[in-house]
Amino acid sequence: MNLTIEETSIAVTKAILSGRMDIDGALSVDMRFSVLAGGRRKLVVDLSEVTFMASMGLRTLMLSAKTMAANGGRMALINPQPSVAKVLESSGIGALIGVYPDWDSAVAAISG
């Protein structure tokens, strides 16, 4: 699992995850993701390169979203592959964090 971070000129951080968010994948990015969520107000997580999402991956996303919310921040997920979107939907995490088809709609949602 890889985590790439992009800072933007509009004060929204973009985190790009790629690979499998299984137990090994989630553990490999967990600490960096926690630090990222703890220090940002607006975070958009691009899931377009995530090929598999397991419960540990959901845990990483949920804990980070809760950390951000506790600090007055917001997180959104964008562009999941169909199999990942199905996991997000069936777990209910999408209703709590927000899953959007693209960057612009996610930024509008967390900025409004």
PDB file of N, CA and C in Angstrom:
ATOM      1  N   MET A   1       0.849  -1.170   0.000  1.00  0.00           N
ATOM      2  CA  MET A   1       0.000   0.000   0.000  1.00  0.00           C
ATOM      3  C   MET A   1       0.891   1.227   0.000  1.00  0.00           C
ATOM      4  N   ASN A   2       0.579   2.153  -0.869  1.00  0.00           N
ATOM      5  CA  ASN A   2       1.310   3.408  -0.953  1.00  0.00           C
ATOM      6  C   ASN A   2       0.392   4.565  -0.586  1.00  0.00           C
ATOM      7  N   LEU A   3       0.960   5.590   0.034  1.00  0.00           N
ATOM      8  CA  LEU A   3       0.252   6.813   0.385  1.00  0.00           C
ATOM      9  C   LEU A   3       1.055   7.987  -0.139  1.00  0.00           C
ATOM     10  N   THR A   4       0.446   8.741  -1.045  1.00  0.00           N
ATOM     11  CA  THR A   4       1.057   9.942  -1.594  1.00  0.00           C
ATOM     12  C   THR A   4       0.237  11.132  -1.129  1.00  0.00           C
ATOM     13  N   ILE A   5       0.908  12.181  -0.683  1.00  0.00           N
ATOM     14  CA  ILE A   5       0.222  13.358  -0.157  1.00  0.00           C
ATOM     15  C   ILE A   5       0.519  14.551  -1.056  1.00  0.00           C
ATOM     16  N   GLU A   6      -0.551  15.253  -1.428  1.00  0.00           N
ATOM     17  CA  GLU A   6      -0.414  16.462  -2.245  1.00  0.00           C
ATOM     18  C   GLU A   6      -1.080  17.620  -1.516  1.00  0.00           C
ATOM     19  N   GLU A   7      -0.338  18.688  -1.289  1.00  0.00           N
ATOM     20  CA  GLU A   7      -0.911  19.904  -0.715  1.00  0.00           C
ATOM     21  C   GLU A   7      -1.387  20.769  -1.881  1.00  0.00           C
ATOM     22  N   THR A   8      -2.545  21.398  -1.724  1.00  0.00           N
ATOM     23  CA  THR A   8      -3.087  22.226  -2.794  1.00  0.00           C
ATOM     24  C   THR A   8      -3.108  23.689  -2.369  1.00  0.00           C
ATOM     25  N   SER A   9      -3.330  24.556  -3.323  1.00  0.00           N
ATOM     26  CA  SER A   9      -3.364  25.993  -3.036  1.00  0.00           C
ATOM     27  C   SER A   9      -4.675  26.420  -2.391  1.00  0.00           C
ATOM     28  N   ILE A  10      -5.649  25.511  -2.286  1.00  0.00           N
ATOM     29  CA  ILE A  10      -6.951  25.866  -1.715  1.00  0.00           C
ATOM     30  C   ILE A  10      -7.126  25.317  -0.295  1.00  0.00           C
ATOM     31  N   ALA A  11      -6.040  24.978   0.363  1.00  0.00           N
ATOM     32  CA  ALA A  11      -6.049  24.490   1.754  1.00  0.00           C
ATOM     33  C   ALA A  11      -6.798  23.177   1.928  1.00  0.00           C
ATOM     34  N   VAL A  12      -6.795  22.368   0.896  1.00  0.00           N
ATOM     35  CA  VAL A  12      -7.348  21.015   0.967  1.00  0.00           C
ATOM     36  C   VAL A  12      -6.207  20.056   0.630  1.00  0.00           C
ATOM     37  N   THR A  13      -5.969  19.101   1.498  1.00  0.00           N
ATOM     38  CA  THR A  13      -4.918  18.114   1.277  1.00  0.00           C
ATOM     39  C   THR A  13      -5.516  16.930   0.531  1.00  0.00           C
ATOM     40  N   LYS A  14      -4.761  16.427  -0.435  1.00  0.00           N
ATOM     41  CA  LYS A  14      -5.187  15.241  -1.178  1.00  0.00           C
ATOM     42  C   LYS A  14      -4.263  14.093  -0.807  1.00  0.00           C
ATOM     43  N   ALA A  15      -4.874  12.993  -0.369  1.00  0.00           N
ATOM     44  CA  ALA A  15      -4.129  11.776  -0.054  1.00  0.00           C
ATOM     45  C   ALA A  15      -4.510  10.731  -1.085  1.00  0.00           C
ATOM     46  N   ILE A  16      -3.520  10.178  -1.759  1.00  0.00           N
ATOM     47  CA  ILE A  16      -3.769   9.173  -2.791  1.00  0.00           C
ATOM     48  C   ILE A  16      -3.291   7.828  -2.262  1.00  0.00           C
ATOM     49  N   LEU A  17      -4.229   6.917  -2.105  1.00  0.00           N
ATOM     50  CA  LEU A  17      -3.901   5.562  -1.676  1.00  0.00           C
ATOM     51  C   LEU A  17      -3.854   4.665  -2.898  1.00  0.00           C
ATOM     52  N   SER A  18      -2.895   3.752  -2.919  1.00  0.00           N
ATOM     53  CA  SER A  18      -2.832   2.790  -4.026  1.00  0.00           C
ATOM     54  C   SER A  18      -2.383   1.437  -3.492  1.00  0.00           C
ATOM     55  N   GLY A  19      -3.031   0.402  -4.013  1.00  0.00           N
ATOM     56  CA  GLY A  19      -2.716  -0.955  -3.586  1.00  0.00           C
ATOM     57  C   GLY A  19      -3.897  -1.594  -2.893  1.00  0.00           C
ATOM     58  N   ARG A  20      -3.601  -2.549  -2.035  1.00  0.00           N
ATOM     59  CA  ARG A  20      -4.627  -3.299  -1.312  1.00  0.00           C
ATOM     60  C   ARG A  20      -4.723  -2.808   0.129  1.00  0.00           C
ATOM     61  N   MET A  21      -5.928  -2.422   0.531  1.00  0.00           N
ATOM     62  CA  MET A  21      -6.163  -2.002   1.912  1.00  0.00           C
ATOM     63  C   MET A  21      -6.612  -3.213   2.723  1.00  0.00           C
ATOM     64  N   ASP A  22      -5.772  -4.229   2.721  1.00  0.00           N
ATOM     65  CA  ASP A  22      -5.994  -5.398   3.571  1.00  0.00           C
ATOM     66  C   ASP A  22      -5.234  -5.139   4.869  1.00  0.00           C
ATOM     67  N   ILE A  23      -5.051  -6.138   5.693  1.00  0.00           N
ATOM     68  CA  ILE A  23      -4.396  -5.916   6.987  1.00  0.00           C
ATOM     69  C   ILE A  23      -2.968  -5.387   6.811  1.00  0.00           C
ATOM     70  N   ASP A  24      -2.212  -5.959   5.887  1.00  0.00           N
ATOM     71  CA  ASP A  24      -0.836  -5.493   5.667  1.00  0.00           C
ATOM     72  C   ASP A  24      -0.812  -4.083   5.086  1.00  0.00           C
ATOM     73  N   GLY A  25      -1.673  -3.844   4.122  1.00  0.00           N
ATOM     74  CA  GLY A  25      -1.726  -2.527   3.489  1.00  0.00           C
ATOM     75  C   GLY A  25      -2.131  -1.440   4.466  1.00  0.00           C
ATOM     76  N   ALA A  26      -3.159  -1.719   5.250  1.00  0.00           N
ATOM     77  CA  ALA A  26      -3.625  -0.732   6.220  1.00  0.00           C
ATOM     78  C   ALA A  26      -2.558  -0.450   7.268  1.00  0.00           C
ATOM     79  N   LEU A  27      -1.917  -1.487   7.769  1.00  0.00           N
ATOM     80  CA  LEU A  27      -0.874  -1.296   8.774  1.00  0.00           C
ATOM     81  C   LEU A  27       0.316  -0.512   8.219  1.00  0.00           C
ATOM     82  N   SER A  28       0.579  -0.662   6.936  1.00  0.00           N
ATOM     83  CA  SER A  28       1.734   0.032   6.353  1.00  0.00           C
ATOM     84  C   SER A  28       1.524   1.545   6.225  1.00  0.00           C
ATOM     85  N   VAL A  29       0.276   2.004   6.203  1.00  0.00           N
ATOM     86  CA  VAL A  29       0.006   3.441   6.077  1.00  0.00           C
ATOM     87  C   VAL A  29      -0.685   4.028   7.294  1.00  0.00           C
ATOM     88  N   ASP A  30      -1.031   3.198   8.248  1.00  0.00           N
ATOM     89  CA  ASP A  30      -1.834   3.623   9.392  1.00  0.00           C
ATOM     90  C   ASP A  30      -1.233   4.809  10.138  1.00  0.00           C
ATOM     91  N   MET A  31       0.022   4.734  10.501  1.00  0.00           N
ATOM     92  CA  MET A  31       0.654   5.806  11.284  1.00  0.00           C
ATOM     93  C   MET A  31       0.713   7.105  10.494  1.00  0.00           C
ATOM     94  N   ARG A  32       1.159   7.039   9.259  1.00  0.00           N
ATOM     95  CA  ARG A  32       1.232   8.253   8.431  1.00  0.00           C
ATOM     96  C   ARG A  32      -0.154   8.851   8.220  1.00  0.00           C
ATOM     97  N   PHE A  33      -1.136   7.990   8.029  1.00  0.00           N
ATOM     98  CA  PHE A  33      -2.507   8.457   7.802  1.00  0.00           C
ATOM     99  C   PHE A  33      -3.056   9.119   9.063  1.00  0.00           C
ATOM    100  N   SER A  34      -2.766   8.576  10.229  1.00  0.00           N
ATOM    101  CA  SER A  34      -3.211   9.163  11.496  1.00  0.00           C
ATOM    102  C   SER A  34      -2.597  10.538  11.707  1.00  0.00           C
ATOM    103  N   VAL A  35      -1.311  10.659  11.430  1.00  0.00           N
ATOM    104  CA  VAL A  35      -0.631  11.950  11.557  1.00  0.00           C
ATOM    105  C   VAL A  35      -1.229  12.954  10.581  1.00  0.00           C
ATOM    106  N   LEU A  36      -1.476  12.513   9.374  1.00  0.00           N
ATOM    107  CA  LEU A  36      -2.075  13.372   8.348  1.00  0.00           C
ATOM    108  C   LEU A  36      -3.438  13.877   8.810  1.00  0.00           C
ATOM    109  N   ALA A  37      -4.290  12.978   9.277  1.00  0.00           N
ATOM    110  CA  ALA A  37      -5.640  13.351   9.714  1.00  0.00           C
ATOM    111  C   ALA A  37      -5.603  14.264  10.934  1.00  0.00           C
ATOM    112  N   GLY A  38      -4.639  14.054  11.810  1.00  0.00           N
ATOM    113  CA  GLY A  38      -4.533  14.867  13.009  1.00  0.00           C
ATOM    114  C   GLY A  38      -4.070  16.285  12.753  1.00  0.00           C
ATOM    115  N   GLY A  39      -3.441  16.514  11.611  1.00  0.00           N
ATOM    116  CA  GLY A  39      -2.887  17.829  11.335  1.00  0.00           C
ATOM    117  C   GLY A  39      -3.541  18.596  10.212  1.00  0.00           C
ATOM    118  N   ARG A  40      -4.641  18.106   9.696  1.00  0.00           N
ATOM    119  CA  ARG A  40      -5.304  18.770   8.565  1.00  0.00           C
ATOM    120  C   ARG A  40      -6.747  19.106   8.907  1.00  0.00           C
ATOM    121  N   ARG A  41      -7.278  20.136   8.266  1.00  0.00           N
ATOM    122  CA  ARG A  41      -8.682  20.516   8.426  1.00  0.00           C
ATOM    123  C   ARG A  41      -9.557  19.930   7.325  1.00  0.00           C
ATOM    124  N   LYS A  42      -8.993  19.839   6.115  1.00  0.00           N
ATOM    125  CA  LYS A  42      -9.748  19.338   4.967  1.00  0.00           C
ATOM    126  C   LYS A  42      -8.890  18.321   4.229  1.00  0.00           C
ATOM    127  N   LEU A  43      -9.421  17.103   4.108  1.00  0.00           N
ATOM    128  CA  LEU A  43      -8.676  16.009   3.490  1.00  0.00           C
ATOM    129  C   LEU A  43      -9.565  15.265   2.516  1.00  0.00           C
ATOM    130  N   VAL A  44      -9.081  15.117   1.298  1.00  0.00           N
ATOM    131  CA  VAL A  44      -9.762  14.313   0.285  1.00  0.00           C
ATOM    132  C   VAL A  44      -8.876  13.102   0.007  1.00  0.00           C
ATOM    133  N   VAL A  45      -9.458  11.921   0.148  1.00  0.00           N
ATOM    134  CA  VAL A  45      -8.720  10.676  -0.036  1.00  0.00           C
ATOM    135  C   VAL A  45      -9.130  10.059  -1.371  1.00  0.00           C
ATOM    136  N   ASP A  46      -8.187   9.980  -2.291  1.00  0.00           N
ATOM    137  CA  ASP A  46      -8.419   9.401  -3.612  1.00  0.00           C
ATOM    138  C   ASP A  46      -8.229   7.887  -3.527  1.00  0.00           C
ATOM    139  N   LEU A  47      -9.313   7.155  -3.781  1.00  0.00           N
ATOM    140  CA  LEU A  47      -9.285   5.694  -3.708  1.00  0.00           C
ATOM    141  C   LEU A  47      -9.248   5.035  -5.091  1.00  0.00           C
ATOM    142  N   SER A  48      -9.002   5.791  -6.138  1.00  0.00           N
ATOM    143  CA  SER A  48      -9.072   5.247  -7.501  1.00  0.00           C
ATOM    144  C   SER A  48      -8.058   4.143  -7.759  1.00  0.00           C
ATOM    145  N   GLU A  49      -6.987   4.094  -6.974  1.00  0.00           N
ATOM    146  CA  GLU A  49      -5.958   3.078  -7.176  1.00  0.00           C
ATOM    147  C   GLU A  49      -5.973   1.995  -6.099  1.00  0.00           C
ATOM    148  N   VAL A  50      -7.012   1.994  -5.262  1.00  0.00           N
ATOM    149  CA  VAL A  50      -7.173   0.951  -4.247  1.00  0.00           C
ATOM    150  C   VAL A  50      -7.933  -0.207  -4.889  1.00  0.00           C
ATOM    151  N   THR A  51      -7.309  -1.370  -4.916  1.00  0.00           N
ATOM    152  CA  THR A  51      -7.892  -2.522  -5.603  1.00  0.00           C
ATOM    153  C   THR A  51      -8.682  -3.444  -4.699  1.00  0.00           C
ATOM    154  N   PHE A  52      -8.515  -3.282  -3.368  1.00  0.00           N
ATOM    155  CA  PHE A  52      -9.204  -4.151  -2.411  1.00  0.00           C
ATOM    156  C   PHE A  52      -9.339  -3.411  -1.098  1.00  0.00           C
ATOM    157  N   MET A  53     -10.510  -3.513  -0.463  1.00  0.00           N
ATOM    158  CA  MET A  53     -10.735  -2.851   0.820  1.00  0.00           C
ATOM    159  C   MET A  53     -11.250  -3.873   1.827  1.00  0.00           C
ATOM    160  N   ALA A  54     -10.491  -4.080   2.904  1.00  0.00           N
ATOM    161  CA  ALA A  54     -10.884  -4.996   3.981  1.00  0.00           C
ATOM    162  C   ALA A  54     -11.259  -4.173   5.215  1.00  0.00           C
ATOM    163  N   SER A  55     -11.676  -4.853   6.257  1.00  0.00           N
ATOM    164  CA  SER A  55     -12.119  -4.169   7.471  1.00  0.00           C
ATOM    165  C   SER A  55     -11.013  -3.312   8.095  1.00  0.00           C
ATOM    166  N   MET A  56      -9.774  -3.728   7.995  1.00  0.00           N
ATOM    167  CA  MET A  56      -8.671  -2.920   8.539  1.00  0.00           C
ATOM    168  C   MET A  56      -8.525  -1.607   7.778  1.00  0.00           C
ATOM    169  N   GLY A  57      -8.761  -1.635   6.497  1.00  0.00           N
ATOM    170  CA  GLY A  57      -8.744  -0.405   5.708  1.00  0.00           C
ATOM    171  C   GLY A  57      -9.880   0.521   6.092  1.00  0.00           C
ATOM    172  N   LEU A  58     -11.058  -0.056   6.308  1.00  0.00           N
ATOM    173  CA  LEU A  58     -12.200   0.735   6.768  1.00  0.00           C
ATOM    174  C   LEU A  58     -11.902   1.370   8.120  1.00  0.00           C
ATOM    175  N   ARG A  59     -11.245   0.602   8.985  1.00  0.00           N
ATOM    176  CA  ARG A  59     -10.873   1.097  10.312  1.00  0.00           C
ATOM    177  C   ARG A  59      -9.951   2.301  10.196  1.00  0.00           C
ATOM    178  N   THR A  60      -8.951   2.219   9.342  1.00  0.00           N
ATOM    179  CA  THR A  60      -8.024   3.329   9.141  1.00  0.00           C
ATOM    180  C   THR A  60      -8.771   4.583   8.708  1.00  0.00           C
ATOM    181  N   LEU A  61      -9.667   4.441   7.746  1.00  0.00           N
ATOM    182  CA  LEU A  61     -10.432   5.586   7.251  1.00  0.00           C
ATOM    183  C   LEU A  61     -11.344   6.151   8.330  1.00  0.00           C
ATOM    184  N   MET A  62     -12.042   5.287   9.045  1.00  0.00           N
ATOM    185  CA  MET A  62     -12.993   5.734  10.058  1.00  0.00           C
ATOM    186  C   MET A  62     -12.294   6.436  11.216  1.00  0.00           C
ATOM    187  N   LEU A  63     -11.215   5.864  11.710  1.00  0.00           N
ATOM    188  CA  LEU A  63     -10.496   6.505  12.815  1.00  0.00           C
ATOM    189  C   LEU A  63      -9.949   7.871  12.411  1.00  0.00           C
ATOM    190  N   SER A  64      -9.465   7.964  11.192  1.00  0.00           N
ATOM    191  CA  SER A  64      -8.942   9.242  10.713  1.00  0.00           C
ATOM    192  C   SER A  64     -10.052  10.272  10.570  1.00  0.00           C
ATOM    193  N   ALA A  65     -11.197   9.852  10.052  1.00  0.00           N
ATOM    194  CA  ALA A  65     -12.328  10.770   9.911  1.00  0.00           C
ATOM    195  C   ALA A  65     -12.811  11.253  11.277  1.00  0.00           C
ATOM    196  N   LYS A  66     -12.833  10.361  12.266  1.00  0.00           N
ATOM    197  CA  LYS A  66     -13.246  10.745  13.621  1.00  0.00           C
ATOM    198  C   LYS A  66     -12.249  11.721  14.238  1.00  0.00           C
ATOM    199  N   THR A  67     -10.969  11.486  14.025  1.00  0.00           N
ATOM    200  CA  THR A  67      -9.941  12.400  14.530  1.00  0.00           C
ATOM    201  C   THR A  67     -10.130  13.779  13.932  1.00  0.00           C
ATOM    202  N   MET A  68     -10.348  13.827  12.625  1.00  0.00           N
ATOM    203  CA  MET A  68     -10.532  15.110  11.959  1.00  0.00           C
ATOM    204  C   MET A  68     -11.776  15.818  12.470  1.00  0.00           C
ATOM    205  N   ALA A  69     -12.873  15.088  12.609  1.00  0.00           N
ATOM    206  CA  ALA A  69     -14.129  15.687  13.080  1.00  0.00           C
ATOM    207  C   ALA A  69     -13.962  16.252  14.492  1.00  0.00           C
ATOM    208  N   ALA A  70     -13.240  15.543  15.338  1.00  0.00           N
ATOM    209  CA  ALA A  70     -13.012  16.009  16.704  1.00  0.00           C
ATOM    210  C   ALA A  70     -12.218  17.309  16.734  1.00  0.00           C
ATOM    211  N   ASN A  71     -11.418  17.528  15.700  1.00  0.00           N
ATOM    212  CA  ASN A  71     -10.602  18.740  15.597  1.00  0.00           C
ATOM    213  C   ASN A  71     -11.236  19.788  14.692  1.00  0.00           C
ATOM    214  N   GLY A  72     -12.492  19.591  14.313  1.00  0.00           N
ATOM    215  CA  GLY A  72     -13.186  20.554  13.462  1.00  0.00           C
ATOM    216  C   GLY A  72     -12.904  20.399  11.982  1.00  0.00           C
ATOM    217  N   GLY A  73     -12.322  19.282  11.590  1.00  0.00           N
ATOM    218  CA  GLY A  73     -12.007  19.054  10.179  1.00  0.00           C
ATOM    219  C   GLY A  73     -13.006  18.135   9.504  1.00  0.00           C
ATOM    220  N   ARG A  74     -12.816  17.960   8.197  1.00  0.00           N
ATOM    221  CA  ARG A  74     -13.686  17.084   7.415  1.00  0.00           C
ATOM    222  C   ARG A  74     -12.876  16.292   6.408  1.00  0.00           C
ATOM    223  N   MET A  75     -13.328  15.077   6.163  1.00  0.00           N
ATOM    224  CA  MET A  75     -12.675  14.180   5.215  1.00  0.00           C
ATOM    225  C   MET A  75     -13.703  13.682   4.211  1.00  0.00           C
ATOM    226  N   ALA A  76     -13.259  13.472   2.975  1.00  0.00           N
ATOM    227  CA  ALA A  76     -14.114  12.915   1.927  1.00  0.00           C
ATOM    228  C   ALA A  76     -13.307  11.879   1.147  1.00  0.00           C
ATOM    229  N   LEU A  77     -14.015  10.914   0.596  1.00  0.00           N
ATOM    230  CA  LEU A  77     -13.406   9.879  -0.238  1.00  0.00           C
ATOM    231  C   LEU A  77     -13.845  10.110  -1.674  1.00  0.00           C
ATOM    232  N   ILE A  78     -12.928   9.881  -2.628  1.00  0.00           N
ATOM    233  CA  ILE A  78     -13.310  10.067  -4.027  1.00  0.00           C
ATOM    234  C   ILE A  78     -12.915   8.876  -4.885  1.00  0.00           C
ATOM    235  N   ASN A  79     -13.710   8.702  -5.911  1.00  0.00           N
ATOM    236  CA  ASN A  79     -13.427   7.834  -7.041  1.00  0.00           C
ATOM    237  C   ASN A  79     -13.010   6.403  -6.695  1.00  0.00           C
ATOM    238  N   PRO A  80     -13.775   5.718  -5.840  1.00  0.00           N
ATOM    239  CA  PRO A  80     -13.408   4.319  -5.563  1.00  0.00           C
ATOM    240  C   PRO A  80     -13.741   3.412  -6.742  1.00  0.00           C
ATOM    241  N   GLN A  81     -12.941   2.379  -6.933  1.00  0.00           N
ATOM    242  CA  GLN A  81     -13.258   1.365  -7.937  1.00  0.00           C
ATOM    243  C   GLN A  81     -14.560   0.681  -7.528  1.00  0.00           C
ATOM    244  N   PRO A  82     -15.292   0.075  -8.468  1.00  0.00           N
ATOM    245  CA  PRO A  82     -16.601  -0.518  -8.154  1.00  0.00           C
ATOM    246  C   PRO A  82     -16.581  -1.497  -6.979  1.00  0.00           C
ATOM    247  N   SER A  83     -15.583  -2.353  -6.898  1.00  0.00           N
ATOM    248  CA  SER A  83     -15.555  -3.321  -5.787  1.00  0.00           C
ATOM    249  C   SER A  83     -15.321  -2.624  -4.453  1.00  0.00           C
ATOM    250  N   VAL A  84     -14.515  -1.587  -4.435  1.00  0.00           N
ATOM    251  CA  VAL A  84     -14.264  -0.822  -3.214  1.00  0.00           C
ATOM    252  C   VAL A  84     -15.506  -0.005  -2.849  1.00  0.00           C
ATOM    253  N   ALA A  85     -16.155   0.569  -3.846  1.00  0.00           N
ATOM    254  CA  ALA A  85     -17.380   1.332  -3.605  1.00  0.00           C
ATOM    255  C   ALA A  85     -18.443   0.451  -2.956  1.00  0.00           C
ATOM    256  N   LYS A  86     -18.522  -0.784  -3.392  1.00  0.00           N
ATOM    257  CA  LYS A  86     -19.501  -1.722  -2.839  1.00  0.00           C
ATOM    258  C   LYS A  86     -19.215  -1.991  -1.360  1.00  0.00           C
ATOM    259  N   VAL A  87     -17.954  -2.162  -1.005  1.00  0.00           N
ATOM    260  CA  VAL A  87     -17.574  -2.376   0.396  1.00  0.00           C
ATOM    261  C   VAL A  87     -17.904  -1.139   1.225  1.00  0.00           C
ATOM    262  N   LEU A  88     -17.603   0.044   0.707  1.00  0.00           N
ATOM    263  CA  LEU A  88     -17.899   1.278   1.430  1.00  0.00           C
ATOM    264  C   LEU A  88     -19.398   1.412   1.668  1.00  0.00           C
ATOM    265  N   GLU A  89     -20.172   1.094   0.652  1.00  0.00           N
ATOM    266  CA  GLU A  89     -21.624   1.200   0.752  1.00  0.00           C
ATOM    267  C   GLU A  89     -22.191   0.180   1.740  1.00  0.00           C
ATOM    268  N   SER A  90     -21.762  -1.055   1.617  1.00  0.00           N
ATOM    269  CA  SER A  90     -22.318  -2.101   2.482  1.00  0.00           C
ATOM    270  C   SER A  90     -21.899  -1.932   3.938  1.00  0.00           C
ATOM    271  N   SER A  91     -20.753  -1.320   4.184  1.00  0.00           N
ATOM    272  CA  SER A  91     -20.297  -1.105   5.559  1.00  0.00           C
ATOM    273  C   SER A  91     -20.953   0.117   6.197  1.00  0.00           C
ATOM    274  N   GLY A  92     -21.484   1.004   5.386  1.00  0.00           N
ATOM    275  CA  GLY A  92     -22.093   2.223   5.893  1.00  0.00           C
ATOM    276  C   GLY A  92     -21.114   3.363   6.098  1.00  0.00           C
ATOM    277  N   ILE A  93     -19.839   3.123   5.866  1.00  0.00           N
ATOM    278  CA  ILE A  93     -18.831   4.166   6.087  1.00  0.00           C
ATOM    279  C   ILE A  93     -19.007   5.336   5.122  1.00  0.00           C
ATOM    280  N   GLY A  94     -19.500   5.037   3.937  1.00  0.00           N
ATOM    281  CA  GLY A  94     -19.716   6.101   2.959  1.00  0.00           C
ATOM    282  C   GLY A  94     -20.708   7.136   3.433  1.00  0.00           C
ATOM    283  N   ALA A  95     -21.702   6.709   4.186  1.00  0.00           N
ATOM    284  CA  ALA A  95     -22.694   7.646   4.720  1.00  0.00           C
ATOM    285  C   ALA A  95     -22.096   8.523   5.818  1.00  0.00           C
ATOM    286  N   LEU A  96     -21.089   8.026   6.509  1.00  0.00           N
ATOM    287  CA  LEU A  96     -20.465   8.781   7.590  1.00  0.00           C
ATOM    288  C   LEU A  96     -19.372   9.723   7.099  1.00  0.00           C
ATOM    289  N   ILE A  97     -18.618   9.300   6.106  1.00  0.00           N
ATOM    290  CA  ILE A  97     -17.507  10.119   5.614  1.00  0.00           C
ATOM    291  C   ILE A  97     -17.902  10.891   4.363  1.00  0.00           C
ATOM    292  N   GLY A  98     -18.579  10.275   3.447  1.00  0.00           N
ATOM    293  CA  GLY A  98     -18.951  10.914   2.185  1.00  0.00           C
ATOM    294  C   GLY A  98     -18.069  10.409   1.066  1.00  0.00           C
ATOM    295  N   VAL A  99     -18.690   9.805   0.069  1.00  0.00           N
ATOM    296  CA  VAL A  99     -17.979   9.278  -1.093  1.00  0.00           C
ATOM    297  C   VAL A  99     -18.463  10.057  -2.305  1.00  0.00           C
ATOM    298  N   TYR A 100     -17.534  10.596  -3.065  1.00  0.00           N
ATOM    299  CA  TYR A 100     -17.858  11.463  -4.198  1.00  0.00           C
ATOM    300  C   TYR A 100     -17.173  10.959  -5.461  1.00  0.00           C
ATOM    301  N   PRO A 101     -17.744  11.279  -6.611  1.00  0.00           N
ATOM    302  CA  PRO A 101     -17.177  10.774  -7.865  1.00  0.00           C
ATOM    303  C   PRO A 101     -15.894  11.474  -8.303  1.00  0.00           C
ATOM    304  N   ASP A 102     -15.674  12.700  -7.805  1.00  0.00           N
ATOM    305  CA  ASP A 102     -14.498  13.438  -8.277  1.00  0.00           C
ATOM    306  C   ASP A 102     -14.049  14.475  -7.252  1.00  0.00           C
ATOM    307  N   TRP A 103     -12.890  15.038  -7.526  1.00  0.00           N
ATOM    308  CA  TRP A 103     -12.254  16.027  -6.660  1.00  0.00           C
ATOM    309  C   TRP A 103     -13.144  17.235  -6.405  1.00  0.00           C
ATOM    310  N   ASP A 104     -13.705  17.816  -7.464  1.00  0.00           N
ATOM    311  CA  ASP A 104     -14.488  19.039  -7.327  1.00  0.00           C
ATOM    312  C   ASP A 104     -15.693  18.861  -6.406  1.00  0.00           C
ATOM    313  N   SER A 105     -16.424  17.761  -6.559  1.00  0.00           N
ATOM    314  CA  SER A 105     -17.611  17.560  -5.711  1.00  0.00           C
ATOM    315  C   SER A 105     -17.207  17.286  -4.261  1.00  0.00           C
ATOM    316  N   ALA A 106     -16.100  16.615  -4.046  1.00  0.00           N
ATOM    317  CA  ALA A 106     -15.623  16.362  -2.682  1.00  0.00           C
ATOM    318  C   ALA A 106     -15.183  17.664  -2.016  1.00  0.00           C
ATOM    319  N   VAL A 107     -14.449  18.489  -2.735  1.00  0.00           N
ATOM    320  CA  VAL A 107     -13.987  19.772  -2.182  1.00  0.00           C
ATOM    321  C   VAL A 107     -15.181  20.646  -1.838  1.00  0.00           C
ATOM    322  N   ALA A 108     -16.175  20.675  -2.715  1.00  0.00           N
ATOM    323  CA  ALA A 108     -17.376  21.477  -2.443  1.00  0.00           C
ATOM    324  C   ALA A 108     -18.083  20.971  -1.185  1.00  0.00           C
ATOM    325  N   ALA A 109     -18.146  19.667  -1.010  1.00  0.00           N
ATOM    326  CA  ALA A 109     -18.843  19.078   0.138  1.00  0.00           C
ATOM    327  C   ALA A 109     -18.140  19.380   1.459  1.00  0.00           C
ATOM    328  N   ILE A 110     -16.822  19.303   1.488  1.00  0.00           N
ATOM    329  CA  ILE A 110     -16.118  19.532   2.759  1.00  0.00           C
ATOM    330  C   ILE A 110     -15.813  20.996   3.012  1.00  0.00           C
ATOM    331  N   SER A 111     -16.005  21.828   2.022  1.00  0.00           N
ATOM    332  CA  SER A 111     -15.742  23.265   2.188  1.00  0.00           C
ATOM    333  C   SER A 111     -17.006  24.048   2.521  1.00  0.00           C
ATOM    334  N   GLY A 112     -18.162  23.431   2.298  1.00  0.00           N
ATOM    335  CA  GLY A 112     -19.430  24.168   2.498  1.00  0.00           C
ATOM    336  C   GLY A 112     -19.942  24.154   3.879  1.00  0.00           C
TER     337      GLY A 112
END
